[in-house]
Amino acid sequence: MTSVKADIILDAKGLTCPMPIIKTKKAMENLVAGQVIEIQATDKGSRADIQAWAQSTGHQYLGTIDEGEVLKHYLRKVSADEEEEDKKHPNVINNEDLEKLLNANESITILDVREAAEYVFNHIPNSISIPLGELEEHIDELNKEEKIFVICRTGNRSDLAAQKLVAEGFTNVVNVVPGMSEWTGKTLSINDSH
């Protein structure tokens, strides 16, 4: 079974509605924005409940892995200022234009700077996963000569990553906006292999 990296694991097995949501709400209060929680539940209705709760609170529902009796739900805590438009990197491309480049089989590098758990549930095929917080230690894995398209969920983390790359001498860096939150092109998921 493929495992997803979570910052905290919440055991809600054996509990029925509304207890998994109550325990999730309490656990989310202790998370820092950007961290991922794995909620282990046996209540089959928890899938819809967790998704609805995440949507109503603004947290990001990443996905669910069904392991027989246990459903493992993954959520990412979103900060209030994460959604704000505060982009500074001048070189930007929209989702549709990036998709056209991919469909034309252009040889491009797509750097996905979302957290690993976000990536495994939904990512562009052949993209490279380096979470923003790990970019500096993995920057040598990228080719400064290539055109790099940086993507995240909304364009904010990718904007920061693009600025970091330029500061490290990368000259052809493009931020993808709005990013995976509105991506309609081909994607791969951990659930595709089941």
C-alpha atoms as a PDB file:
ATOM      1  CA  MET A   1       0.000   0.000   0.000  1.00  0.00           C
ATOM      2  CA  THR A   2       1.296   3.432  -0.885  1.00  0.00           C
ATOM      3  CA  SER A   3       1.668   5.737   2.065  1.00  0.00           C
ATOM      4  CA  VAL A   4       1.123   9.475   2.087  1.00  0.00           C
ATOM      5  CA  LYS A   5       3.233  11.666   4.356  1.00  0.00           C
ATOM      6  CA  ALA A   6       1.113  13.402   6.967  1.00  0.00           C
ATOM      7  CA  ASP A   7       2.234  15.715   9.759  1.00  0.00           C
ATOM      8  CA  ILE A   8      -0.334  14.257  12.156  1.00  0.00           C
ATOM      9  CA  ILE A   9      -2.476  11.115  12.185  1.00  0.00           C
ATOM     10  CA  LEU A  10      -5.911  11.272  13.794  1.00  0.00           C
ATOM     11  CA  ASP A  11      -7.538   8.005  14.843  1.00  0.00           C
ATOM     12  CA  ALA A  12     -11.310   8.285  14.359  1.00  0.00           C
ATOM     13  CA  LYS A  13     -11.856   4.556  13.794  1.00  0.00           C
ATOM     14  CA  GLY A  14     -15.061   3.199  15.323  1.00  0.00           C
ATOM     15  CA  LEU A  15     -16.623   6.659  15.571  1.00  0.00           C
ATOM     16  CA  THR A  16     -19.780   7.690  13.732  1.00  0.00           C
ATOM     17  CA  CYS A  17     -21.050  11.065  12.582  1.00  0.00           C
ATOM     18  CA  PRO A  18     -20.471  13.711  13.868  1.00  0.00           C
ATOM     19  CA  MET A  19     -17.497  12.528  15.970  1.00  0.00           C
ATOM     20  CA  PRO A  20     -14.889  12.231  13.153  1.00  0.00           C
ATOM     21  CA  ILE A  21     -15.610  15.877  12.197  1.00  0.00           C
ATOM     22  CA  ILE A  22     -15.504  17.069  15.819  1.00  0.00           C
ATOM     23  CA  LYS A  23     -12.138  15.348  16.361  1.00  0.00           C
ATOM     24  CA  THR A  24     -10.830  16.673  13.017  1.00  0.00           C
ATOM     25  CA  LYS A  25     -11.843  20.240  13.874  1.00  0.00           C
ATOM     26  CA  LYS A  26     -10.034  20.030  17.219  1.00  0.00           C
ATOM     27  CA  ALA A  27      -6.894  18.496  15.637  1.00  0.00           C
ATOM     28  CA  MET A  28      -6.801  21.141  12.875  1.00  0.00           C
ATOM     29  CA  GLU A  29      -6.538  23.866  15.516  1.00  0.00           C
ATOM     30  CA  ASN A  30      -3.114  22.466  16.468  1.00  0.00           C
ATOM     31  CA  LEU A  31      -1.776  22.357  12.917  1.00  0.00           C
ATOM     32  CA  VAL A  32       0.294  25.075  11.301  1.00  0.00           C
ATOM     33  CA  ALA A  33      -0.877  26.328   7.896  1.00  0.00           C
ATOM     34  CA  GLY A  34       0.425  24.016   5.183  1.00  0.00           C
ATOM     35  CA  GLN A  35       0.553  20.915   7.374  1.00  0.00           C
ATOM     36  CA  VAL A  36      -1.305  17.753   6.369  1.00  0.00           C
ATOM     37  CA  ILE A  37      -3.519  15.611   8.607  1.00  0.00           C
ATOM     38  CA  GLU A  38      -4.484  11.988   7.976  1.00  0.00           C
ATOM     39  CA  ILE A  39      -7.866  11.073   9.460  1.00  0.00           C
ATOM     40  CA  GLN A  40      -8.372   7.330   9.841  1.00  0.00           C
ATOM     41  CA  ALA A  41     -12.081   6.478   9.947  1.00  0.00           C
ATOM     42  CA  THR A  42     -14.274   3.401   9.616  1.00  0.00           C
ATOM     43  CA  ASP A  43     -17.551   5.301   9.091  1.00  0.00           C
ATOM     44  CA  LYS A  44     -18.202   5.081   5.324  1.00  0.00           C
ATOM     45  CA  GLY A  45     -20.128   8.368   5.487  1.00  0.00           C
ATOM     46  CA  SER A  46     -16.983  10.128   6.668  1.00  0.00           C
ATOM     47  CA  ARG A  47     -15.762  10.602   3.075  1.00  0.00           C
ATOM     48  CA  ALA A  48     -18.606  12.984   2.213  1.00  0.00           C
ATOM     49  CA  ASP A  49     -18.588  14.519   5.708  1.00  0.00           C
ATOM     50  CA  ILE A  50     -14.841  15.319   5.644  1.00  0.00           C
ATOM     51  CA  GLN A  51     -15.039  16.760   2.112  1.00  0.00           C
ATOM     52  CA  ALA A  52     -18.018  18.969   3.005  1.00  0.00           C
ATOM     53  CA  TRP A  53     -16.405  20.123   6.255  1.00  0.00           C
ATOM     54  CA  ALA A  54     -13.149  21.007   4.490  1.00  0.00           C
ATOM     55  CA  GLN A  55     -15.004  22.985   1.837  1.00  0.00           C
ATOM     56  CA  SER A  56     -17.084  24.860   4.420  1.00  0.00           C
ATOM     57  CA  THR A  57     -14.021  25.791   6.525  1.00  0.00           C
ATOM     58  CA  GLY A  58     -11.672  26.627   3.644  1.00  0.00           C
ATOM     59  CA  HIS A  59      -9.225  23.806   4.333  1.00  0.00           C
ATOM     60  CA  GLN A  60      -8.011  21.744   1.398  1.00  0.00           C
ATOM     61  CA  TYR A  61      -9.385  18.210   0.967  1.00  0.00           C
ATOM     62  CA  LEU A  62      -6.590  16.266  -0.747  1.00  0.00           C
ATOM     63  CA  GLY A  63      -8.201  12.874  -1.142  1.00  0.00           C
ATOM     64  CA  THR A  64      -9.074   9.563   0.462  1.00  0.00           C
ATOM     65  CA  ILE A  65      -7.365   6.197   0.298  1.00  0.00           C
ATOM     66  CA  ASP A  66      -9.678   3.242   0.880  1.00  0.00           C
ATOM     67  CA  GLU A  67      -7.854   0.474   2.735  1.00  0.00           C
ATOM     68  CA  GLY A  68     -10.722  -1.964   3.225  1.00  0.00           C
ATOM     69  CA  GLU A  69     -12.316  -1.226   6.590  1.00  0.00           C
ATOM     70  CA  VAL A  70     -10.316   1.978   7.089  1.00  0.00           C
ATOM     71  CA  LEU A  71     -10.701   5.172   5.073  1.00  0.00           C
ATOM     72  CA  LYS A  72      -7.666   7.467   5.243  1.00  0.00           C
ATOM     73  CA  HIS A  73      -8.720  11.049   4.536  1.00  0.00           C
ATOM     74  CA  TYR A  74      -6.091  13.730   3.910  1.00  0.00           C
ATOM     75  CA  LEU A  75      -6.604  17.446   4.565  1.00  0.00           C
ATOM     76  CA  ARG A  76      -4.192  20.377   4.352  1.00  0.00           C
ATOM     77  CA  LYS A  77      -4.617  23.340   6.671  1.00  0.00           C
ATOM     78  CA  VAL A  78      -4.954  26.543   4.688  1.00  0.00           C
ATOM     79  CA  SER A  79      -4.075  29.925   6.156  1.00  0.00           C
ATOM     80  CA  ALA A  80      -6.344  32.919   5.701  1.00  0.00           C
ATOM     81  CA  ASP A  81      -3.703  34.854   3.755  1.00  0.00           C
ATOM     82  CA  GLU A  82      -2.814  31.973   1.409  1.00  0.00           C
ATOM     83  CA  GLU A  83      -5.587  32.871  -0.988  1.00  0.00           C
ATOM     84  CA  GLU A  84      -4.591  36.528  -1.257  1.00  0.00           C
ATOM     85  CA  GLU A  85      -3.240  37.792  -4.540  1.00  0.00           C
ATOM     86  CA  ASP A  86       0.267  38.964  -3.699  1.00  0.00           C
ATOM     87  CA  LYS A  87       2.303  37.801  -6.666  1.00  0.00           C
ATOM     88  CA  LYS A  88       5.657  39.371  -7.392  1.00  0.00           C
ATOM     89  CA  HIS A  89       7.306  37.163 -10.048  1.00  0.00           C
ATOM     90  CA  PRO A  90       6.717  38.943 -13.379  1.00  0.00           C
ATOM     91  CA  ASN A  91       6.926  35.932 -15.751  1.00  0.00           C
ATOM     92  CA  VAL A  92       3.504  34.239 -15.624  1.00  0.00           C
ATOM     93  CA  ILE A  93       1.557  31.760 -17.767  1.00  0.00           C
ATOM     94  CA  ASN A  94      -2.057  30.687 -17.371  1.00  0.00           C
ATOM     95  CA  ASN A  95      -3.220  27.073 -17.082  1.00  0.00           C
ATOM     96  CA  GLU A  96      -4.635  26.972 -20.608  1.00  0.00           C
ATOM     97  CA  ASP A  97      -1.370  28.087 -22.250  1.00  0.00           C
ATOM     98  CA  LEU A  98       0.641  25.565 -20.232  1.00  0.00           C
ATOM     99  CA  GLU A  99      -1.781  22.844 -21.269  1.00  0.00           C
ATOM    100  CA  LYS A 100      -1.309  23.845 -24.936  1.00  0.00           C
ATOM    101  CA  LEU A 101       2.478  23.486 -24.539  1.00  0.00           C
ATOM    102  CA  LEU A 102       2.004  20.039 -22.984  1.00  0.00           C
ATOM    103  CA  ASN A 103      -0.401  18.937 -25.719  1.00  0.00           C
ATOM    104  CA  ALA A 104       2.120  20.091 -28.352  1.00  0.00           C
ATOM    105  CA  ASN A 105       4.673  17.766 -26.687  1.00  0.00           C
ATOM    106  CA  GLU A 106       6.987  20.669 -25.908  1.00  0.00           C
ATOM    107  CA  SER A 107       9.973  19.571 -23.848  1.00  0.00           C
ATOM    108  CA  ILE A 108       9.409  21.523 -20.650  1.00  0.00           C
ATOM    109  CA  THR A 109      10.067  21.121 -16.955  1.00  0.00           C
ATOM    110  CA  ILE A 110       7.136  21.469 -14.583  1.00  0.00           C
ATOM    111  CA  LEU A 111       8.103  21.957 -10.948  1.00  0.00           C
ATOM    112  CA  ASP A 112       5.262  21.255  -8.501  1.00  0.00           C
ATOM    113  CA  VAL A 113       6.020  22.971  -5.168  1.00  0.00           C
ATOM    114  CA  ARG A 114       2.943  21.775  -3.250  1.00  0.00           C
ATOM    115  CA  GLU A 115       3.311  19.439  -0.283  1.00  0.00           C
ATOM    116  CA  ALA A 116       4.007  15.777  -1.115  1.00  0.00           C
ATOM    117  CA  ALA A 117       0.512  14.726   0.005  1.00  0.00           C
ATOM    118  CA  GLU A 118      -1.086  17.261  -2.348  1.00  0.00           C
ATOM    119  CA  TYR A 119       1.083  15.993  -5.199  1.00  0.00           C
ATOM    120  CA  VAL A 120       0.274  12.281  -4.799  1.00  0.00           C
ATOM    121  CA  PHE A 121      -3.471  12.881  -4.970  1.00  0.00           C
ATOM    122  CA  ASN A 122      -3.362  15.049  -8.107  1.00  0.00           C
ATOM    123  CA  HIS A 123      -0.453  16.125 -10.300  1.00  0.00           C
ATOM    124  CA  ILE A 124       0.491  16.798 -13.900  1.00  0.00           C
ATOM    125  CA  PRO A 125       2.189  13.763 -15.490  1.00  0.00           C
ATOM    126  CA  ASN A 126       6.022  13.999 -15.537  1.00  0.00           C
ATOM    127  CA  SER A 127       6.071  17.000 -13.191  1.00  0.00           C
ATOM    128  CA  ILE A 128       8.807  17.149 -10.564  1.00  0.00           C
ATOM    129  CA  SER A 129       7.685  17.292  -6.929  1.00  0.00           C
ATOM    130  CA  ILE A 130       9.802  19.483  -4.652  1.00  0.00           C
ATOM    131  CA  PRO A 131       7.751  21.084  -1.858  1.00  0.00           C
ATOM    132  CA  LEU A 132       8.461  24.786  -1.384  1.00  0.00           C
ATOM    133  CA  GLY A 133       9.955  24.175   2.060  1.00  0.00           C
ATOM    134  CA  GLU A 134      12.488  21.735   0.567  1.00  0.00           C
ATOM    135  CA  LEU A 135      13.375  23.743  -2.558  1.00  0.00           C
ATOM    136  CA  GLU A 136      16.675  25.158  -1.297  1.00  0.00           C
ATOM    137  CA  GLU A 137      18.070  21.722  -0.389  1.00  0.00           C
ATOM    138  CA  HIS A 138      17.006  20.207  -3.751  1.00  0.00           C
ATOM    139  CA  ILE A 139      17.744  23.156  -6.049  1.00  0.00           C
ATOM    140  CA  ASP A 140      20.767  21.360  -7.552  1.00  0.00           C
ATOM    141  CA  GLU A 141      18.375  18.750  -9.011  1.00  0.00           C
ATOM    142  CA  LEU A 142      17.073  21.379 -11.443  1.00  0.00           C
ATOM    143  CA  ASN A 143      18.781  22.456 -14.665  1.00  0.00           C
ATOM    144  CA  LYS A 144      19.396  26.217 -14.824  1.00  0.00           C
ATOM    145  CA  GLU A 145      19.398  26.041 -18.648  1.00  0.00           C
ATOM    146  CA  GLU A 146      15.861  24.656 -18.920  1.00  0.00           C
ATOM    147  CA  LYS A 147      12.632  26.615 -18.970  1.00  0.00           C
ATOM    148  CA  ILE A 148      10.916  25.793 -15.664  1.00  0.00           C
ATOM    149  CA  PHE A 149       7.184  26.187 -15.118  1.00  0.00           C
ATOM    150  CA  VAL A 150       6.456  26.364 -11.388  1.00  0.00           C
ATOM    151  CA  ILE A 151       3.012  25.297 -10.164  1.00  0.00           C
ATOM    152  CA  CYS A 152       1.214  25.023  -6.833  1.00  0.00           C
ATOM    153  CA  ARG A 153      -2.450  25.105  -5.835  1.00  0.00           C
ATOM    154  CA  THR A 154      -3.230  28.819  -6.342  1.00  0.00           C
ATOM    155  CA  GLY A 155      -0.084  30.468  -7.687  1.00  0.00           C
ATOM    156  CA  ASN A 156       1.194  31.877  -4.381  1.00  0.00           C
ATOM    157  CA  ARG A 157       3.703  29.218  -3.313  1.00  0.00           C
ATOM    158  CA  SER A 158       4.837  28.879  -6.928  1.00  0.00           C
ATOM    159  CA  ASP A 159       5.385  32.646  -7.016  1.00  0.00           C
ATOM    160  CA  LEU A 160       7.692  32.384  -3.990  1.00  0.00           C
ATOM    161  CA  ALA A 161       9.480  29.401  -5.538  1.00  0.00           C
ATOM    162  CA  ALA A 162       9.970  31.287  -8.820  1.00  0.00           C
ATOM    163  CA  GLN A 163      11.509  34.197  -6.897  1.00  0.00           C
ATOM    164  CA  LYS A 164      13.858  31.777  -5.070  1.00  0.00           C
ATOM    165  CA  LEU A 165      14.941  30.163  -8.347  1.00  0.00           C
ATOM    166  CA  VAL A 166      15.678  33.533  -9.953  1.00  0.00           C
ATOM    167  CA  ALA A 167      17.695  34.527  -6.867  1.00  0.00           C
ATOM    168  CA  GLU A 168      19.731  31.334  -7.357  1.00  0.00           C
ATOM    169  CA  GLY A 169      20.577  32.211 -10.974  1.00  0.00           C
ATOM    170  CA  PHE A 170      17.766  30.529 -12.898  1.00  0.00           C
ATOM    171  CA  THR A 171      16.872  32.786 -15.820  1.00  0.00           C
ATOM    172  CA  ASN A 172      13.882  31.127 -17.491  1.00  0.00           C
ATOM    173  CA  VAL A 173      11.298  30.608 -14.745  1.00  0.00           C
ATOM    174  CA  VAL A 174       7.533  30.931 -15.262  1.00  0.00           C
ATOM    175  CA  ASN A 175       4.831  30.941 -12.569  1.00  0.00           C
ATOM    176  CA  VAL A 176       1.648  29.018 -13.486  1.00  0.00           C
ATOM    177  CA  VAL A 177      -1.522  30.849 -12.399  1.00  0.00           C
ATOM    178  CA  PRO A 178      -4.055  29.915 -11.080  1.00  0.00           C
ATOM    179  CA  GLY A 179      -2.413  26.508 -10.686  1.00  0.00           C
ATOM    180  CA  MET A 180      -3.747  23.111  -9.707  1.00  0.00           C
ATOM    181  CA  SER A 181      -6.899  24.458  -8.027  1.00  0.00           C
ATOM    182  CA  GLU A 182      -8.279  25.108 -11.516  1.00  0.00           C
ATOM    183  CA  TRP A 183      -6.214  22.677 -13.643  1.00  0.00           C
ATOM    184  CA  THR A 184      -8.386  20.903 -16.221  1.00  0.00           C
ATOM    185  CA  GLY A 185      -5.648  19.080 -18.124  1.00  0.00           C
ATOM    186  CA  LYS A 186      -4.364  15.532 -17.634  1.00  0.00           C
ATOM    187  CA  THR A 187      -3.457  14.500 -14.104  1.00  0.00           C
ATOM    188  CA  LEU A 188      -2.231  11.459 -12.259  1.00  0.00           C
ATOM    189  CA  SER A 189      -3.254  10.356  -8.769  1.00  0.00           C
ATOM    190  CA  ILE A 190      -2.258   7.774  -6.189  1.00  0.00           C
ATOM    191  CA  ASN A 191      -5.767   6.375  -6.655  1.00  0.00           C
ATOM    192  CA  ASP A 192      -5.122   5.726 -10.384  1.00  0.00           C
ATOM    193  CA  SER A 193      -2.996   2.709  -9.455  1.00  0.00           C
ATOM    194  CA  HIS A 194      -5.730   0.965  -7.465  1.00  0.00           C
END
